[in-house]
Amino acid sequence: MGRNDDITAVIIANGDYPTHLVPLRALEKASFVACCDGGADGYIARGGVPDVIIGDGDSLSEENRLKYAHLIHDVPDQETNDQTKAVRYLMSLGRRVITIVGATGKREDHTIGNISLLIEYMRMGAQVRMLTDYGMFLPCCDSHLFDYSLPGQQVSVFNFTARGLHADGLKYPLSDFISWWQGTLNECTGRRVFVHAEGEYLMFFAHTY
């Protein structure tokens, strides 16, 4: 799933509301918007009306909690977070192509958790990506061709379970590293990156504008 794919559903998490053009455009193109509890406040303040609000509403403003009570879908599961509940809800509707925005910022532990969950969503069968104000996170399994890179574009690779990890089209070689920092601060050398691997890894492509 690349940056030019059609957006079918967008989740607005309860982190910092996006300001960069790329995640904002994804929101504009969305055919379905699911907000994670308080994430709805920012969307509503900018003139949007969510299709569903996932959570118990305790992070919403009192005004929006009352006005949009009919849109609140509370899932009483303490073993996961609202972002995951939103992904599961969308998949229950048959929506598997999902973009997540607003999932970073605020508490760093929540940010790390939200990003790492992308691998879980991929295992569930979702075609998911996360757009931030700085770039795109994309969970991957096995070898993958990325044909939308640009020369000099910054990229990082985070290994989860991958073996035989190497790539064509990156400035620095990859290996089966075990620490996340080891795959950061790489760079695209052209318009195509081919990652060879068996197993799961997470790509990050920095925005180029």
N, C-alpha and C. Protein backbone atom coordinates (compact mmCIF):
# COMPACT_ATOMS: atom_id res chain seq x y z
N MET A 1 0.86 -1.20 0.00
CA MET A 1 0.00 0.00 0.00
C MET A 1 0.89 1.24 0.00
N GLY A 2 0.84 2.02 -1.03
CA GLY A 2 1.69 3.18 -1.16
C GLY A 2 0.97 4.48 -0.86
N ARG A 3 1.65 5.56 -1.07
CA ARG A 3 1.10 6.85 -0.69
C ARG A 3 -0.01 7.31 -1.63
N ASN A 4 -0.15 6.69 -2.81
CA ASN A 4 -1.18 7.12 -3.76
C ASN A 4 -2.41 6.23 -3.76
N ASP A 5 -2.44 5.25 -2.86
CA ASP A 5 -3.59 4.36 -2.83
C ASP A 5 -4.84 5.07 -2.36
N ASP A 6 -5.99 4.61 -2.82
CA ASP A 6 -7.25 5.16 -2.34
C ASP A 6 -7.42 4.85 -0.86
N ILE A 7 -7.95 5.79 -0.13
CA ILE A 7 -8.17 5.61 1.30
C ILE A 7 -9.62 5.20 1.51
N THR A 8 -9.84 4.07 2.16
CA THR A 8 -11.22 3.65 2.41
C THR A 8 -11.65 3.98 3.83
N ALA A 9 -10.73 3.93 4.78
CA ALA A 9 -11.10 4.22 6.17
C ALA A 9 -9.90 4.82 6.88
N VAL A 10 -10.18 5.81 7.71
CA VAL A 10 -9.13 6.47 8.50
C VAL A 10 -9.51 6.43 9.97
N ILE A 11 -8.53 6.09 10.80
CA ILE A 11 -8.69 6.14 12.25
C ILE A 11 -7.94 7.36 12.76
N ILE A 12 -8.62 8.18 13.55
CA ILE A 12 -7.95 9.30 14.23
C ILE A 12 -7.73 8.88 15.67
N ALA A 13 -6.49 8.64 16.03
CA ALA A 13 -6.16 8.24 17.40
C ALA A 13 -6.15 9.47 18.31
N ASN A 14 -5.93 9.23 19.58
CA ASN A 14 -6.03 10.31 20.57
C ASN A 14 -4.67 10.87 20.92
N GLY A 15 -3.78 11.00 19.91
CA GLY A 15 -2.51 11.67 20.11
C GLY A 15 -2.62 13.11 19.64
N ASP A 16 -1.51 13.65 19.13
CA ASP A 16 -1.54 15.00 18.59
C ASP A 16 -2.27 15.00 17.25
N TYR A 17 -3.17 15.94 17.07
CA TYR A 17 -3.90 16.02 15.80
C TYR A 17 -2.93 16.39 14.69
N PRO A 18 -3.03 15.73 13.52
CA PRO A 18 -2.05 15.98 12.45
C PRO A 18 -2.10 17.40 11.91
N THR A 19 -0.94 17.87 11.47
CA THR A 19 -0.83 19.19 10.86
C THR A 19 -0.20 19.12 9.47
N HIS A 20 0.47 18.02 9.16
CA HIS A 20 1.14 17.89 7.87
C HIS A 20 0.11 17.59 6.77
N LEU A 21 0.43 18.03 5.56
CA LEU A 21 -0.48 17.89 4.43
C LEU A 21 -0.81 16.44 4.11
N VAL A 22 0.14 15.52 4.27
CA VAL A 22 -0.09 14.13 3.88
C VAL A 22 -1.18 13.47 4.73
N PRO A 23 -1.08 13.47 6.07
CA PRO A 23 -2.18 12.88 6.84
C PRO A 23 -3.49 13.66 6.70
N LEU A 24 -3.41 14.97 6.53
CA LEU A 24 -4.63 15.76 6.37
C LEU A 24 -5.33 15.41 5.05
N ARG A 25 -4.57 15.16 4.00
CA ARG A 25 -5.16 14.75 2.73
C ARG A 25 -5.82 13.37 2.85
N ALA A 26 -5.19 12.48 3.63
CA ALA A 26 -5.80 11.17 3.85
C ALA A 26 -7.16 11.31 4.50
N LEU A 27 -7.27 12.24 5.44
CA LEU A 27 -8.55 12.49 6.09
C LEU A 27 -9.57 13.05 5.10
N GLU A 28 -9.13 13.94 4.24
CA GLU A 28 -10.04 14.54 3.26
C GLU A 28 -10.59 13.49 2.30
N LYS A 29 -9.78 12.48 1.98
CA LYS A 29 -10.18 11.46 1.00
C LYS A 29 -10.93 10.29 1.64
N ALA A 30 -10.97 10.25 2.96
CA ALA A 30 -11.56 9.09 3.64
C ALA A 30 -13.05 8.96 3.35
N SER A 31 -13.48 7.73 3.14
CA SER A 31 -14.91 7.46 2.99
C SER A 31 -15.54 7.08 4.32
N PHE A 32 -14.70 6.81 5.34
CA PHE A 32 -15.20 6.44 6.66
C PHE A 32 -14.15 6.89 7.67
N VAL A 33 -14.59 7.61 8.72
CA VAL A 33 -13.67 8.11 9.74
C VAL A 33 -14.09 7.59 11.10
N ALA A 34 -13.18 6.87 11.74
CA ALA A 34 -13.41 6.37 13.10
C ALA A 34 -12.47 7.11 14.05
N CYS A 35 -13.03 7.75 15.05
CA CYS A 35 -12.23 8.50 16.02
C CYS A 35 -12.09 7.70 17.30
N CYS A 36 -10.88 7.72 17.84
CA CYS A 36 -10.64 7.08 19.14
C CYS A 36 -10.93 8.08 20.24
N ASP A 37 -12.11 7.97 20.81
CA ASP A 37 -12.52 8.77 21.96
C ASP A 37 -12.18 10.25 21.76
N GLY A 38 -11.26 10.80 22.55
CA GLY A 38 -10.95 12.23 22.49
C GLY A 38 -10.39 12.70 21.18
N GLY A 39 -9.95 11.75 20.31
CA GLY A 39 -9.49 12.15 18.99
C GLY A 39 -10.58 12.82 18.17
N ALA A 40 -11.83 12.59 18.57
CA ALA A 40 -12.95 13.20 17.85
C ALA A 40 -13.02 14.70 18.06
N ASP A 41 -12.54 15.19 19.21
CA ASP A 41 -12.65 16.62 19.49
C ASP A 41 -11.94 17.45 18.42
N GLY A 42 -10.71 17.05 18.06
CA GLY A 42 -9.96 17.79 17.05
C GLY A 42 -10.62 17.74 15.69
N TYR A 43 -11.17 16.59 15.35
CA TYR A 43 -11.83 16.43 14.05
C TYR A 43 -13.10 17.27 13.97
N ILE A 44 -13.88 17.24 15.03
CA ILE A 44 -15.12 18.01 15.08
C ILE A 44 -14.84 19.50 15.08
N ALA A 45 -13.79 19.91 15.80
CA ALA A 45 -13.43 21.33 15.86
C ALA A 45 -13.05 21.88 14.49
N ARG A 46 -12.63 20.99 13.59
CA ARG A 46 -12.23 21.41 12.24
C ARG A 46 -13.34 21.18 11.23
N GLY A 47 -14.55 20.94 11.71
CA GLY A 47 -15.71 20.84 10.85
C GLY A 47 -16.08 19.43 10.43
N GLY A 48 -15.39 18.42 10.95
CA GLY A 48 -15.70 17.06 10.58
C GLY A 48 -16.75 16.44 11.49
N VAL A 49 -17.39 15.41 10.98
CA VAL A 49 -18.32 14.61 11.77
C VAL A 49 -17.91 13.15 11.63
N PRO A 50 -17.46 12.51 12.69
CA PRO A 50 -17.01 11.12 12.57
C PRO A 50 -18.15 10.18 12.26
N ASP A 51 -17.81 9.05 11.64
CA ASP A 51 -18.80 8.00 11.41
C ASP A 51 -19.02 7.17 12.66
N VAL A 52 -17.99 7.07 13.49
CA VAL A 52 -18.10 6.35 14.76
C VAL A 52 -17.02 6.89 15.70
N ILE A 53 -17.33 6.86 16.98
CA ILE A 53 -16.37 7.21 18.02
C ILE A 53 -16.16 5.97 18.88
N ILE A 54 -14.93 5.47 18.91
CA ILE A 54 -14.62 4.26 19.65
C ILE A 54 -14.11 4.62 21.03
N GLY A 55 -14.74 4.09 22.07
CA GLY A 55 -14.34 4.36 23.44
C GLY A 55 -15.55 4.68 24.30
N ASP A 56 -15.29 4.99 25.55
CA ASP A 56 -16.40 5.26 26.46
C ASP A 56 -16.77 6.74 26.52
N GLY A 57 -16.05 7.57 25.77
CA GLY A 57 -16.37 8.99 25.72
C GLY A 57 -15.79 9.81 26.85
N ASP A 58 -15.00 9.20 27.73
CA ASP A 58 -14.51 9.95 28.89
C ASP A 58 -13.43 10.96 28.52
N SER A 59 -12.84 10.83 27.31
CA SER A 59 -11.83 11.79 26.87
C SER A 59 -12.42 12.87 25.98
N LEU A 60 -13.70 12.73 25.65
CA LEU A 60 -14.37 13.74 24.84
C LEU A 60 -14.76 14.95 25.67
N SER A 61 -14.89 16.09 25.00
CA SER A 61 -15.46 17.24 25.69
C SER A 61 -16.90 16.91 26.06
N GLU A 62 -17.38 17.54 27.11
CA GLU A 62 -18.76 17.27 27.57
C GLU A 62 -19.76 17.60 26.46
N GLU A 63 -19.51 18.68 25.74
CA GLU A 63 -20.43 19.07 24.66
C GLU A 63 -20.50 18.00 23.58
N ASN A 64 -19.34 17.52 23.14
CA ASN A 64 -19.32 16.51 22.07
C ASN A 64 -19.81 15.15 22.56
N ARG A 65 -19.56 14.84 23.81
CA ARG A 65 -20.02 13.56 24.35
C ARG A 65 -21.54 13.49 24.34
N LEU A 66 -22.19 14.61 24.62
CA LEU A 66 -23.65 14.64 24.61
C LEU A 66 -24.20 14.74 23.18
N LYS A 67 -23.60 15.61 22.37
CA LYS A 67 -24.10 15.85 21.01
C LYS A 67 -23.95 14.62 20.12
N TYR A 68 -22.85 13.87 20.32
CA TYR A 68 -22.57 12.73 19.44
C TYR A 68 -22.66 11.41 20.19
N ALA A 69 -23.50 11.38 21.20
CA ALA A 69 -23.66 10.15 21.99
C ALA A 69 -24.09 8.97 21.12
N HIS A 70 -24.86 9.26 20.08
CA HIS A 70 -25.35 8.19 19.21
C HIS A 70 -24.25 7.56 18.35
N LEU A 71 -23.08 8.23 18.29
CA LEU A 71 -21.97 7.70 17.49
C LEU A 71 -20.95 6.94 18.34
N ILE A 72 -21.11 7.00 19.65
CA ILE A 72 -20.13 6.37 20.54
C ILE A 72 -20.35 4.87 20.59
N HIS A 73 -19.29 4.13 20.30
CA HIS A 73 -19.32 2.66 20.33
C HIS A 73 -18.31 2.20 21.37
N ASP A 74 -18.79 1.84 22.52
CA ASP A 74 -17.91 1.45 23.63
C ASP A 74 -17.70 -0.05 23.62
N VAL A 75 -16.43 -0.46 23.61
CA VAL A 75 -16.07 -1.87 23.67
C VAL A 75 -15.38 -2.12 25.00
N PRO A 76 -16.04 -2.75 25.96
CA PRO A 76 -15.47 -2.94 27.31
C PRO A 76 -14.40 -4.02 27.35
N ASP A 77 -13.24 -3.72 26.79
CA ASP A 77 -12.11 -4.66 26.78
C ASP A 77 -10.89 -3.94 27.33
N GLN A 78 -10.47 -4.31 28.52
CA GLN A 78 -9.35 -3.65 29.18
C GLN A 78 -8.00 -4.22 28.73
N GLU A 79 -8.02 -5.24 27.86
CA GLU A 79 -6.78 -5.88 27.44
C GLU A 79 -6.18 -5.24 26.20
N THR A 80 -6.84 -4.21 25.65
CA THR A 80 -6.32 -3.54 24.48
C THR A 80 -6.69 -2.07 24.52
N ASN A 81 -6.23 -1.30 23.52
CA ASN A 81 -6.49 0.14 23.54
C ASN A 81 -7.53 0.51 22.48
N ASP A 82 -7.92 1.79 22.47
CA ASP A 82 -8.99 2.22 21.55
C ASP A 82 -8.55 2.13 20.10
N GLN A 83 -7.27 2.32 19.83
CA GLN A 83 -6.80 2.21 18.44
C GLN A 83 -7.06 0.80 17.91
N THR A 84 -6.73 -0.21 18.72
CA THR A 84 -6.96 -1.59 18.31
C THR A 84 -8.45 -1.89 18.20
N LYS A 85 -9.24 -1.36 19.12
CA LYS A 85 -10.69 -1.54 19.05
C LYS A 85 -11.24 -0.95 17.75
N ALA A 86 -10.68 0.19 17.34
CA ALA A 86 -11.14 0.82 16.10
C ALA A 86 -10.77 -0.03 14.89
N VAL A 87 -9.57 -0.59 14.89
CA VAL A 87 -9.17 -1.47 13.78
C VAL A 87 -10.10 -2.68 13.70
N ARG A 88 -10.37 -3.29 14.84
CA ARG A 88 -11.26 -4.46 14.86
C ARG A 88 -12.67 -4.09 14.41
N TYR A 89 -13.12 -2.92 14.81
CA TYR A 89 -14.47 -2.48 14.41
C TYR A 89 -14.54 -2.31 12.89
N LEU A 90 -13.55 -1.65 12.31
CA LEU A 90 -13.54 -1.44 10.88
C LEU A 90 -13.47 -2.77 10.13
N MET A 91 -12.67 -3.69 10.63
CA MET A 91 -12.56 -4.99 9.97
C MET A 91 -13.87 -5.77 10.07
N SER A 92 -14.60 -5.55 11.16
CA SER A 92 -15.91 -6.22 11.28
C SER A 92 -16.89 -5.70 10.25
N LEU A 93 -16.64 -4.49 9.73
CA LEU A 93 -17.48 -3.92 8.67
C LEU A 93 -16.98 -4.29 7.28
N GLY A 94 -15.90 -5.08 7.24
CA GLY A 94 -15.32 -5.45 5.96
C GLY A 94 -14.31 -4.45 5.43
N ARG A 95 -13.94 -3.48 6.25
CA ARG A 95 -12.98 -2.46 5.84
C ARG A 95 -11.59 -2.87 6.32
N ARG A 96 -10.75 -3.30 5.39
CA ARG A 96 -9.43 -3.81 5.74
C ARG A 96 -8.30 -2.87 5.31
N VAL A 97 -8.58 -1.92 4.43
CA VAL A 97 -7.58 -0.93 4.04
C VAL A 97 -7.73 0.27 4.96
N ILE A 98 -6.78 0.45 5.85
CA ILE A 98 -6.94 1.39 6.96
C ILE A 98 -5.70 2.28 7.08
N THR A 99 -5.93 3.57 7.25
CA THR A 99 -4.87 4.52 7.56
C THR A 99 -5.12 5.09 8.95
N ILE A 100 -4.07 5.14 9.75
CA ILE A 100 -4.16 5.68 11.11
C ILE A 100 -3.41 7.00 11.17
N VAL A 101 -4.04 8.03 11.70
CA VAL A 101 -3.41 9.33 11.92
C VAL A 101 -3.59 9.71 13.38
N GLY A 102 -2.82 10.69 13.82
CA GLY A 102 -2.97 11.18 15.19
C GLY A 102 -2.57 10.18 16.26
N ALA A 103 -1.70 9.23 15.92
CA ALA A 103 -1.35 8.17 16.88
C ALA A 103 -0.05 8.46 17.63
N THR A 104 0.63 9.55 17.29
CA THR A 104 1.89 9.87 17.93
C THR A 104 1.77 11.19 18.69
N GLY A 105 2.80 11.52 19.43
CA GLY A 105 2.76 12.72 20.26
C GLY A 105 2.23 12.41 21.64
N LYS A 106 2.20 13.40 22.49
CA LYS A 106 1.76 13.23 23.87
C LYS A 106 2.64 12.19 24.57
N ARG A 107 2.07 11.19 25.21
CA ARG A 107 2.89 10.24 25.98
C ARG A 107 3.69 9.32 25.06
N GLU A 108 5.01 9.26 25.32
CA GLU A 108 5.89 8.47 24.47
C GLU A 108 5.60 6.98 24.56
N ASP A 109 5.17 6.49 25.73
CA ASP A 109 4.88 5.06 25.84
C ASP A 109 3.68 4.68 24.99
N HIS A 110 2.68 5.57 24.92
CA HIS A 110 1.54 5.32 24.05
C HIS A 110 1.95 5.34 22.58
N THR A 111 2.85 6.26 22.23
CA THR A 111 3.32 6.35 20.85
C THR A 111 4.01 5.06 20.43
N ILE A 112 4.93 4.56 21.26
CA ILE A 112 5.64 3.32 20.94
C ILE A 112 4.66 2.16 20.82
N GLY A 113 3.71 2.09 21.75
CA GLY A 113 2.72 1.03 21.71
C GLY A 113 1.88 1.08 20.46
N ASN A 114 1.42 2.28 20.09
CA ASN A 114 0.58 2.43 18.89
C ASN A 114 1.33 2.01 17.63
N ILE A 115 2.60 2.38 17.54
CA ILE A 115 3.39 2.03 16.35
C ILE A 115 3.62 0.52 16.29
N SER A 116 4.00 -0.07 17.41
CA SER A 116 4.31 -1.51 17.40
C SER A 116 3.08 -2.36 17.09
N LEU A 117 1.90 -1.85 17.40
CA LEU A 117 0.67 -2.59 17.13
C LEU A 117 0.39 -2.76 15.64
N LEU A 118 1.05 -2.00 14.79
CA LEU A 118 0.84 -2.15 13.36
C LEU A 118 1.15 -3.57 12.89
N ILE A 119 2.15 -4.18 13.49
CA ILE A 119 2.48 -5.57 13.15
C ILE A 119 1.31 -6.49 13.50
N GLU A 120 0.68 -6.25 14.65
CA GLU A 120 -0.47 -7.07 15.06
C GLU A 120 -1.64 -6.91 14.08
N TYR A 121 -1.86 -5.69 13.61
CA TYR A 121 -2.96 -5.46 12.68
C TYR A 121 -2.70 -6.17 11.35
N MET A 122 -1.44 -6.17 10.92
CA MET A 122 -1.10 -6.90 9.71
C MET A 122 -1.39 -8.39 9.88
N ARG A 123 -1.06 -8.93 11.06
CA ARG A 123 -1.33 -10.34 11.33
C ARG A 123 -2.83 -10.63 11.32
N MET A 124 -3.63 -9.63 11.67
CA MET A 124 -5.09 -9.79 11.66
C MET A 124 -5.67 -9.76 10.26
N GLY A 125 -4.87 -9.36 9.28
CA GLY A 125 -5.34 -9.30 7.91
C GLY A 125 -5.62 -7.91 7.39
N ALA A 126 -5.29 -6.88 8.17
CA ALA A 126 -5.53 -5.50 7.74
C ALA A 126 -4.39 -5.03 6.83
N GLN A 127 -4.74 -4.23 5.83
CA GLN A 127 -3.75 -3.50 5.04
C GLN A 127 -3.67 -2.11 5.67
N VAL A 128 -2.71 -1.94 6.54
CA VAL A 128 -2.72 -0.76 7.40
C VAL A 128 -1.42 0.03 7.24
N ARG A 129 -1.55 1.32 7.39
CA ARG A 129 -0.38 2.20 7.46
C ARG A 129 -0.68 3.28 8.48
N MET A 130 0.37 3.90 9.00
CA MET A 130 0.23 5.01 9.95
C MET A 130 0.93 6.22 9.37
N LEU A 131 0.20 7.32 9.25
CA LEU A 131 0.76 8.57 8.77
C LEU A 131 0.94 9.52 9.94
N THR A 132 2.13 10.08 10.06
CA THR A 132 2.42 11.07 11.09
C THR A 132 2.75 12.39 10.40
N ASP A 133 3.13 13.39 11.18
CA ASP A 133 3.54 14.65 10.59
C ASP A 133 4.94 14.57 9.98
N TYR A 134 5.60 13.42 10.14
CA TYR A 134 6.97 13.28 9.66
C TYR A 134 7.15 12.18 8.62
N GLY A 135 6.24 11.22 8.56
CA GLY A 135 6.40 10.16 7.60
C GLY A 135 5.33 9.10 7.70
N MET A 136 5.61 7.94 7.08
CA MET A 136 4.67 6.83 7.02
C MET A 136 5.30 5.57 7.59
N PHE A 137 4.60 4.90 8.51
CA PHE A 137 4.97 3.58 9.01
C PHE A 137 4.15 2.54 8.25
N LEU A 138 4.82 1.48 7.83
CA LEU A 138 4.16 0.44 7.05
C LEU A 138 4.67 -0.92 7.51
N PRO A 139 3.78 -1.77 8.09
CA PRO A 139 4.20 -3.11 8.49
C PRO A 139 4.30 -4.02 7.27
N CYS A 140 5.30 -4.88 7.25
CA CYS A 140 5.54 -5.74 6.10
C CYS A 140 5.89 -7.15 6.54
N CYS A 141 5.64 -8.10 5.66
CA CYS A 141 6.01 -9.48 5.90
C CYS A 141 6.66 -10.04 4.63
N ASP A 142 7.83 -10.62 4.79
CA ASP A 142 8.58 -11.21 3.68
C ASP A 142 9.04 -10.12 2.70
N SER A 143 9.54 -10.54 1.55
CA SER A 143 10.12 -9.60 0.59
C SER A 143 9.06 -8.65 0.04
N HIS A 144 9.49 -7.41 -0.21
CA HIS A 144 8.51 -6.40 -0.62
C HIS A 144 9.19 -5.34 -1.48
N LEU A 145 8.50 -4.94 -2.55
CA LEU A 145 8.98 -3.87 -3.41
C LEU A 145 8.25 -2.57 -3.09
N PHE A 146 9.00 -1.51 -2.84
CA PHE A 146 8.44 -0.18 -2.62
C PHE A 146 8.86 0.66 -3.83
N ASP A 147 7.89 1.00 -4.69
CA ASP A 147 8.22 1.69 -5.93
C ASP A 147 7.78 3.15 -5.91
N TYR A 148 7.74 3.75 -4.73
CA TYR A 148 7.33 5.15 -4.62
C TYR A 148 8.34 5.96 -3.82
N SER A 149 9.57 5.46 -3.69
CA SER A 149 10.59 6.21 -2.97
C SER A 149 11.22 7.26 -3.88
N LEU A 150 11.99 8.16 -3.28
CA LEU A 150 12.69 9.19 -4.01
C LEU A 150 14.16 9.18 -3.60
N PRO A 151 15.07 9.51 -4.52
CA PRO A 151 16.48 9.56 -4.16
C PRO A 151 16.72 10.53 -3.00
N GLY A 152 17.43 10.05 -1.99
CA GLY A 152 17.72 10.88 -0.82
C GLY A 152 16.67 10.82 0.26
N GLN A 153 15.53 10.17 -0.01
CA GLN A 153 14.47 10.08 0.99
C GLN A 153 14.95 9.27 2.20
N GLN A 154 14.67 9.76 3.38
CA GLN A 154 15.09 9.10 4.61
C GLN A 154 14.16 7.93 4.92
N VAL A 155 14.75 6.82 5.35
CA VAL A 155 13.98 5.62 5.62
C VAL A 155 14.61 4.86 6.78
N SER A 156 13.78 4.18 7.56
CA SER A 156 14.25 3.33 8.66
C SER A 156 13.55 1.98 8.56
N VAL A 157 14.24 0.95 9.02
CA VAL A 157 13.70 -0.41 9.00
C VAL A 157 13.81 -0.98 10.41
N PHE A 158 12.67 -1.40 10.98
CA PHE A 158 12.63 -1.95 12.32
C PHE A 158 12.31 -3.44 12.22
N ASN A 159 13.23 -4.27 12.68
CA ASN A 159 13.06 -5.71 12.55
C ASN A 159 12.22 -6.27 13.70
N PHE A 160 11.30 -7.15 13.37
CA PHE A 160 10.51 -7.86 14.38
C PHE A 160 10.88 -9.35 14.36
N THR A 161 10.57 -10.04 13.29
CA THR A 161 10.87 -11.48 13.22
C THR A 161 11.61 -11.84 11.94
N ALA A 162 12.06 -10.86 11.16
CA ALA A 162 12.63 -11.13 9.84
C ALA A 162 14.01 -11.78 9.92
N ARG A 163 14.26 -12.65 8.94
CA ARG A 163 15.56 -13.29 8.76
C ARG A 163 16.01 -13.07 7.31
N GLY A 164 17.31 -13.09 7.11
CA GLY A 164 17.84 -12.86 5.77
C GLY A 164 17.56 -11.45 5.27
N LEU A 165 17.58 -10.49 6.15
CA LEU A 165 17.17 -9.12 5.84
C LEU A 165 18.28 -8.39 5.08
N HIS A 166 17.98 -8.03 3.83
CA HIS A 166 18.87 -7.18 3.04
C HIS A 166 18.02 -6.45 2.01
N ALA A 167 18.59 -5.45 1.37
CA ALA A 167 17.78 -4.60 0.48
C ALA A 167 18.57 -4.10 -0.70
N ASP A 168 17.86 -3.84 -1.79
CA ASP A 168 18.38 -3.11 -2.94
C ASP A 168 17.73 -1.73 -2.94
N GLY A 169 18.53 -0.70 -3.17
CA GLY A 169 17.98 0.65 -3.25
C GLY A 169 18.14 1.47 -1.98
N LEU A 170 18.89 0.94 -1.00
CA LEU A 170 19.18 1.70 0.21
C LEU A 170 20.68 2.01 0.29
N LYS A 171 21.02 3.12 0.87
CA LYS A 171 22.42 3.55 0.94
C LYS A 171 23.25 2.64 1.83
N TYR A 172 22.66 2.19 2.94
CA TYR A 172 23.41 1.37 3.89
C TYR A 172 22.82 -0.04 3.94
N PRO A 173 23.66 -1.06 4.06
CA PRO A 173 23.16 -2.44 4.03
C PRO A 173 22.35 -2.79 5.27
N LEU A 174 21.39 -3.70 5.10
CA LEU A 174 20.60 -4.22 6.21
C LEU A 174 21.16 -5.57 6.64
N SER A 175 20.81 -5.98 7.84
CA SER A 175 21.17 -7.30 8.34
C SER A 175 20.10 -7.72 9.34
N ASP A 176 20.23 -8.91 9.88
CA ASP A 176 19.25 -9.39 10.86
C ASP A 176 19.51 -8.77 12.23
N PHE A 177 19.44 -7.44 12.28
CA PHE A 177 19.72 -6.73 13.53
C PHE A 177 18.64 -7.02 14.56
N ILE A 178 18.99 -6.92 15.81
CA ILE A 178 18.04 -7.21 16.89
C ILE A 178 17.63 -5.96 17.65
N SER A 179 18.37 -4.88 17.49
CA SER A 179 18.02 -3.61 18.15
C SER A 179 17.41 -2.67 17.12
N TRP A 180 16.31 -2.03 17.49
CA TRP A 180 15.60 -1.18 16.53
C TRP A 180 16.46 -0.05 15.98
N TRP A 181 17.33 0.51 16.80
CA TRP A 181 18.11 1.67 16.35
C TRP A 181 19.03 1.31 15.19
N GLN A 182 19.39 0.04 15.05
CA GLN A 182 20.35 -0.37 14.04
C GLN A 182 19.84 -0.18 12.62
N GLY A 183 18.53 -0.14 12.44
CA GLY A 183 17.98 0.02 11.10
C GLY A 183 17.52 1.43 10.79
N THR A 184 17.83 2.37 11.66
CA THR A 184 17.38 3.75 11.45
C THR A 184 18.37 4.54 10.62
N LEU A 185 17.93 5.71 10.18
CA LEU A 185 18.78 6.69 9.49
C LEU A 185 19.38 6.15 8.21
N ASN A 186 18.60 5.38 7.45
CA ASN A 186 19.04 4.93 6.13
C ASN A 186 18.52 5.91 5.08
N GLU A 187 18.80 5.64 3.82
CA GLU A 187 18.45 6.59 2.77
C GLU A 187 18.21 5.86 1.45
N CYS A 188 17.17 6.28 0.75
CA CYS A 188 16.88 5.69 -0.56
C CYS A 188 17.86 6.23 -1.60
N THR A 189 18.29 5.36 -2.50
CA THR A 189 19.21 5.78 -3.56
C THR A 189 18.50 6.01 -4.88
N GLY A 190 17.25 5.60 -4.99
CA GLY A 190 16.51 5.78 -6.23
C GLY A 190 15.02 5.74 -5.99
N ARG A 191 14.27 5.39 -7.01
CA ARG A 191 12.81 5.40 -6.93
C ARG A 191 12.21 4.05 -6.58
N ARG A 192 13.06 3.06 -6.30
CA ARG A 192 12.59 1.74 -5.93
C ARG A 192 13.46 1.19 -4.81
N VAL A 193 12.81 0.61 -3.83
CA VAL A 193 13.51 -0.10 -2.76
C VAL A 193 12.93 -1.51 -2.70
N PHE A 194 13.80 -2.50 -2.77
CA PHE A 194 13.34 -3.88 -2.66
C PHE A 194 13.97 -4.49 -1.41
N VAL A 195 13.13 -4.84 -0.45
CA VAL A 195 13.60 -5.46 0.79
C VAL A 195 13.41 -6.96 0.67
N HIS A 196 14.48 -7.69 0.88
CA HIS A 196 14.44 -9.15 0.86
C HIS A 196 14.42 -9.64 2.31
N ALA A 197 13.47 -10.50 2.63
CA ALA A 197 13.38 -10.99 4.01
C ALA A 197 12.39 -12.13 4.10
N GLU A 198 12.50 -12.89 5.16
CA GLU A 198 11.49 -13.85 5.56
C GLU A 198 11.07 -13.49 6.97
N GLY A 199 9.84 -13.00 7.12
CA GLY A 199 9.36 -12.58 8.43
C GLY A 199 8.90 -11.14 8.43
N GLU A 200 8.70 -10.61 9.61
CA GLU A 200 8.02 -9.32 9.77
C GLU A 200 8.99 -8.19 10.13
N TYR A 201 8.70 -7.02 9.55
CA TYR A 201 9.49 -5.82 9.82
C TYR A 201 8.61 -4.60 9.58
N LEU A 202 9.06 -3.48 10.07
CA LEU A 202 8.30 -2.23 9.97
C LEU A 202 9.14 -1.20 9.23
N MET A 203 8.56 -0.64 8.17
CA MET A 203 9.26 0.39 7.38
C MET A 203 8.78 1.78 7.81
N PHE A 204 9.67 2.74 7.74
CA PHE A 204 9.31 4.15 7.93
C PHE A 204 9.92 4.95 6.80
N PHE A 205 9.06 5.63 6.02
CA PHE A 205 9.49 6.52 4.96
C PHE A 205 9.17 7.96 5.38
N ALA A 206 10.20 8.81 5.45
CA ALA A 206 9.98 10.20 5.83
C ALA A 206 9.31 10.94 4.68
N HIS A 207 8.42 11.89 5.03
CA HIS A 207 7.81 12.74 4.02
C HIS A 207 8.91 13.54 3.29
N THR A 208 8.71 13.78 2.02
CA THR A 208 9.70 14.51 1.24
C THR A 208 9.28 15.96 0.97
N TYR A 209 8.14 16.38 1.52
CA TYR A 209 7.69 17.77 1.38
C TYR A 209 6.86 18.14 2.59
